[in-house]
């Protein structure tokens, strides 16, 4: 079985009345992890309250994520978002014990 790599989570809390602007600025930055070797990414926003965000990156190694996180590009994005989120922000690293998804056509068949 091949090594699935690691999952990295960054929890963000937007400042009051700043959630929409934070999402606008950070969504492209979250997706940019693909340019640094990630195999997948996700950026979630809490439905209740709309101020809690969870950024996920699926990377082969911690070093892949760190090359993204400490890059000039992401440093500039954090600088642009200053004042929109609460600090500190700390990535947490997780071993992937299992993961899966349904292809859209499989999900449609299951509903029908």
C-alpha atoms as a PDB file:
ATOM      1  CA  UNK A   1       0.000   0.000   0.000  1.00  0.00           C
ATOM      2  CA  UNK A   2       1.384   3.421  -0.911  1.00  0.00           C
ATOM      3  CA  UNK A   3       1.961   6.138   1.671  1.00  0.00           C
ATOM      4  CA  UNK A   4      -1.017   8.542   1.560  1.00  0.00           C
ATOM      5  CA  UNK A   5       1.098  11.405   2.925  1.00  0.00           C
ATOM      6  CA  UNK A   6      -0.186  13.760   5.564  1.00  0.00           C
ATOM      7  CA  UNK A   7      -3.091  16.124   6.037  1.00  0.00           C
ATOM      8  CA  UNK A   8      -2.460  19.611   7.337  1.00  0.00           C
ATOM      9  CA  UNK A   9      -5.158  21.681   9.009  1.00  0.00           C
ATOM     10  CA  UNK A  10      -5.100  25.416   9.655  1.00  0.00           C
ATOM     11  CA  UNK A  11      -7.984  26.796  11.706  1.00  0.00           C
ATOM     12  CA  UNK A  12      -8.776  30.416  10.998  1.00  0.00           C
ATOM     13  CA  UNK A  13     -11.153  32.680  12.917  1.00  0.00           C
ATOM     14  CA  UNK A  14     -12.175  35.776  11.009  1.00  0.00           C
ATOM     15  CA  UNK A  15     -12.750  38.991  12.892  1.00  0.00           C
ATOM     16  CA  UNK A  16     -16.358  40.142  13.184  1.00  0.00           C
ATOM     17  CA  UNK A  17     -17.756  41.555   9.932  1.00  0.00           C
ATOM     18  CA  UNK A  18     -14.600  40.461   8.082  1.00  0.00           C
ATOM     19  CA  UNK A  19     -15.512  36.885   7.080  1.00  0.00           C
ATOM     20  CA  UNK A  20     -16.524  37.657   3.500  1.00  0.00           C
ATOM     21  CA  UNK A  21     -13.376  39.668   2.820  1.00  0.00           C
ATOM     22  CA  UNK A  22     -11.163  37.022   4.445  1.00  0.00           C
ATOM     23  CA  UNK A  23     -12.750  34.306   2.301  1.00  0.00           C
ATOM     24  CA  UNK A  24     -12.233  36.400  -0.842  1.00  0.00           C
ATOM     25  CA  UNK A  25      -8.537  36.919  -0.090  1.00  0.00           C
ATOM     26  CA  UNK A  26      -7.661  33.510   1.341  1.00  0.00           C
ATOM     27  CA  UNK A  27      -9.504  31.149  -1.032  1.00  0.00           C
ATOM     28  CA  UNK A  28      -6.928  31.584  -3.855  1.00  0.00           C
ATOM     29  CA  UNK A  29      -4.105  31.289  -1.299  1.00  0.00           C
ATOM     30  CA  UNK A  30      -5.537  28.013   0.013  1.00  0.00           C
ATOM     31  CA  UNK A  31      -5.767  26.612  -3.515  1.00  0.00           C
ATOM     32  CA  UNK A  32      -2.171  27.666  -4.254  1.00  0.00           C
ATOM     33  CA  UNK A  33      -0.916  24.743  -2.136  1.00  0.00           C
ATOM     34  CA  UNK A  34      -1.314  22.651  -5.302  1.00  0.00           C
ATOM     35  CA  UNK A  35       1.626  24.596  -6.778  1.00  0.00           C
ATOM     36  CA  UNK A  36       3.813  23.266  -3.949  1.00  0.00           C
ATOM     37  CA  UNK A  37       3.200  19.550  -4.430  1.00  0.00           C
ATOM     38  CA  UNK A  38      -0.095  19.022  -2.630  1.00  0.00           C
ATOM     39  CA  UNK A  39      -2.386  16.299  -3.942  1.00  0.00           C
ATOM     40  CA  UNK A  40      -5.534  18.009  -2.687  1.00  0.00           C
ATOM     41  CA  UNK A  41      -6.914  20.890  -0.689  1.00  0.00           C
ATOM     42  CA  UNK A  42     -10.139  22.124   0.898  1.00  0.00           C
ATOM     43  CA  UNK A  43     -11.279  25.394   2.453  1.00  0.00           C
ATOM     44  CA  UNK A  44     -14.373  25.236   4.636  1.00  0.00           C
ATOM     45  CA  UNK A  45     -16.441  27.991   6.232  1.00  0.00           C
ATOM     46  CA  UNK A  46     -18.704  27.310   9.191  1.00  0.00           C
ATOM     47  CA  UNK A  47     -22.357  27.587   8.268  1.00  0.00           C
ATOM     48  CA  UNK A  48     -23.257  28.928  11.722  1.00  0.00           C
ATOM     49  CA  UNK A  49     -21.639  32.247  12.521  1.00  0.00           C
ATOM     50  CA  UNK A  50     -19.627  32.377   9.260  1.00  0.00           C
ATOM     51  CA  UNK A  51     -16.402  33.362  11.051  1.00  0.00           C
ATOM     52  CA  UNK A  52     -14.722  29.962  11.506  1.00  0.00           C
ATOM     53  CA  UNK A  53     -12.695  28.587   8.603  1.00  0.00           C
ATOM     54  CA  UNK A  54     -10.788  25.356   8.232  1.00  0.00           C
ATOM     55  CA  UNK A  55      -8.089  24.999   5.603  1.00  0.00           C
ATOM     56  CA  UNK A  56      -6.898  21.498   4.668  1.00  0.00           C
ATOM     57  CA  UNK A  57      -3.978  20.466   2.500  1.00  0.00           C
ATOM     58  CA  UNK A  58      -3.039  16.922   1.541  1.00  0.00           C
ATOM     59  CA  UNK A  59       0.703  16.716   0.948  1.00  0.00           C
ATOM     60  CA  UNK A  60       3.339  14.001   0.573  1.00  0.00           C
ATOM     61  CA  UNK A  61       5.501  15.408   3.394  1.00  0.00           C
ATOM     62  CA  UNK A  62       5.582  18.159   6.000  1.00  0.00           C
ATOM     63  CA  UNK A  63       8.319  19.818   3.944  1.00  0.00           C
ATOM     64  CA  UNK A  64       5.932  20.215   0.995  1.00  0.00           C
ATOM     65  CA  UNK A  65       3.495  22.145   3.173  1.00  0.00           C
ATOM     66  CA  UNK A  66       6.232  24.238   4.757  1.00  0.00           C
ATOM     67  CA  UNK A  67       7.543  25.258   1.332  1.00  0.00           C
ATOM     68  CA  UNK A  68       4.015  26.561   0.629  1.00  0.00           C
ATOM     69  CA  UNK A  69       3.383  28.107   4.075  1.00  0.00           C
ATOM     70  CA  UNK A  70       6.698  29.978   4.223  1.00  0.00           C
ATOM     71  CA  UNK A  71       6.750  31.025   0.559  1.00  0.00           C
ATOM     72  CA  UNK A  72       6.811  34.680  -0.471  1.00  0.00           C
ATOM     73  CA  UNK A  73       3.447  34.189  -2.205  1.00  0.00           C
ATOM     74  CA  UNK A  74       1.650  33.011   0.944  1.00  0.00           C
ATOM     75  CA  UNK A  75       3.477  35.490   3.143  1.00  0.00           C
ATOM     76  CA  UNK A  76       2.132  38.253   0.908  1.00  0.00           C
ATOM     77  CA  UNK A  77      -1.383  36.793   1.112  1.00  0.00           C
ATOM     78  CA  UNK A  78      -1.183  36.736   4.932  1.00  0.00           C
ATOM     79  CA  UNK A  79       0.020  40.350   4.878  1.00  0.00           C
ATOM     80  CA  UNK A  80      -2.933  41.327   2.668  1.00  0.00           C
ATOM     81  CA  UNK A  81      -5.318  39.624   5.111  1.00  0.00           C
ATOM     82  CA  UNK A  82      -3.867  41.255   8.248  1.00  0.00           C
ATOM     83  CA  UNK A  83      -6.679  42.523  10.436  1.00  0.00           C
ATOM     84  CA  UNK A  84      -9.197  40.116   8.933  1.00  0.00           C
ATOM     85  CA  UNK A  85      -8.378  37.120  11.158  1.00  0.00           C
ATOM     86  CA  UNK A  86      -7.360  36.374  14.730  1.00  0.00           C
ATOM     87  CA  UNK A  87      -3.851  35.212  15.551  1.00  0.00           C
ATOM     88  CA  UNK A  88      -2.089  32.914  16.272  1.00  0.00           C
ATOM     89  CA  UNK A  89      -2.596  30.580  13.354  1.00  0.00           C
ATOM     90  CA  UNK A  90      -0.818  27.260  13.694  1.00  0.00           C
ATOM     91  CA  UNK A  91      -0.857  24.422  11.177  1.00  0.00           C
ATOM     92  CA  UNK A  92      -1.464  20.976  12.676  1.00  0.00           C
ATOM     93  CA  UNK A  93      -0.219  17.834  10.974  1.00  0.00           C
ATOM     94  CA  UNK A  94      -2.212  14.601  10.793  1.00  0.00           C
ATOM     95  CA  UNK A  95      -1.422  11.089   9.604  1.00  0.00           C
ATOM     96  CA  UNK A  96      -4.044   9.904   7.139  1.00  0.00           C
ATOM     97  CA  UNK A  97      -5.570   6.748   8.614  1.00  0.00           C
ATOM     98  CA  UNK A  98      -8.294   6.582   5.963  1.00  0.00           C
ATOM     99  CA  UNK A  99      -9.997   8.775   3.418  1.00  0.00           C
ATOM    100  CA  UNK A 100     -12.476   8.369   0.595  1.00  0.00           C
ATOM    101  CA  UNK A 101     -15.118   9.955  -1.566  1.00  0.00           C
ATOM    102  CA  UNK A 102     -17.821   9.042  -4.040  1.00  0.00           C
ATOM    103  CA  UNK A 103     -17.547   9.980  -7.673  1.00  0.00           C
ATOM    104  CA  UNK A 104     -20.489  12.239  -8.672  1.00  0.00           C
ATOM    105  CA  UNK A 105     -22.051   9.566 -10.902  1.00  0.00           C
ATOM    106  CA  UNK A 106     -21.831   7.012  -8.057  1.00  0.00           C
ATOM    107  CA  UNK A 107     -23.528   9.416  -5.664  1.00  0.00           C
ATOM    108  CA  UNK A 108     -26.298  10.100  -8.196  1.00  0.00           C
ATOM    109  CA  UNK A 109     -26.878   6.357  -8.645  1.00  0.00           C
ATOM    110  CA  UNK A 110     -27.069   5.840  -4.880  1.00  0.00           C
ATOM    111  CA  UNK A 111     -29.748   8.549  -4.593  1.00  0.00           C
ATOM    112  CA  UNK A 112     -31.789   7.185  -7.501  1.00  0.00           C
END
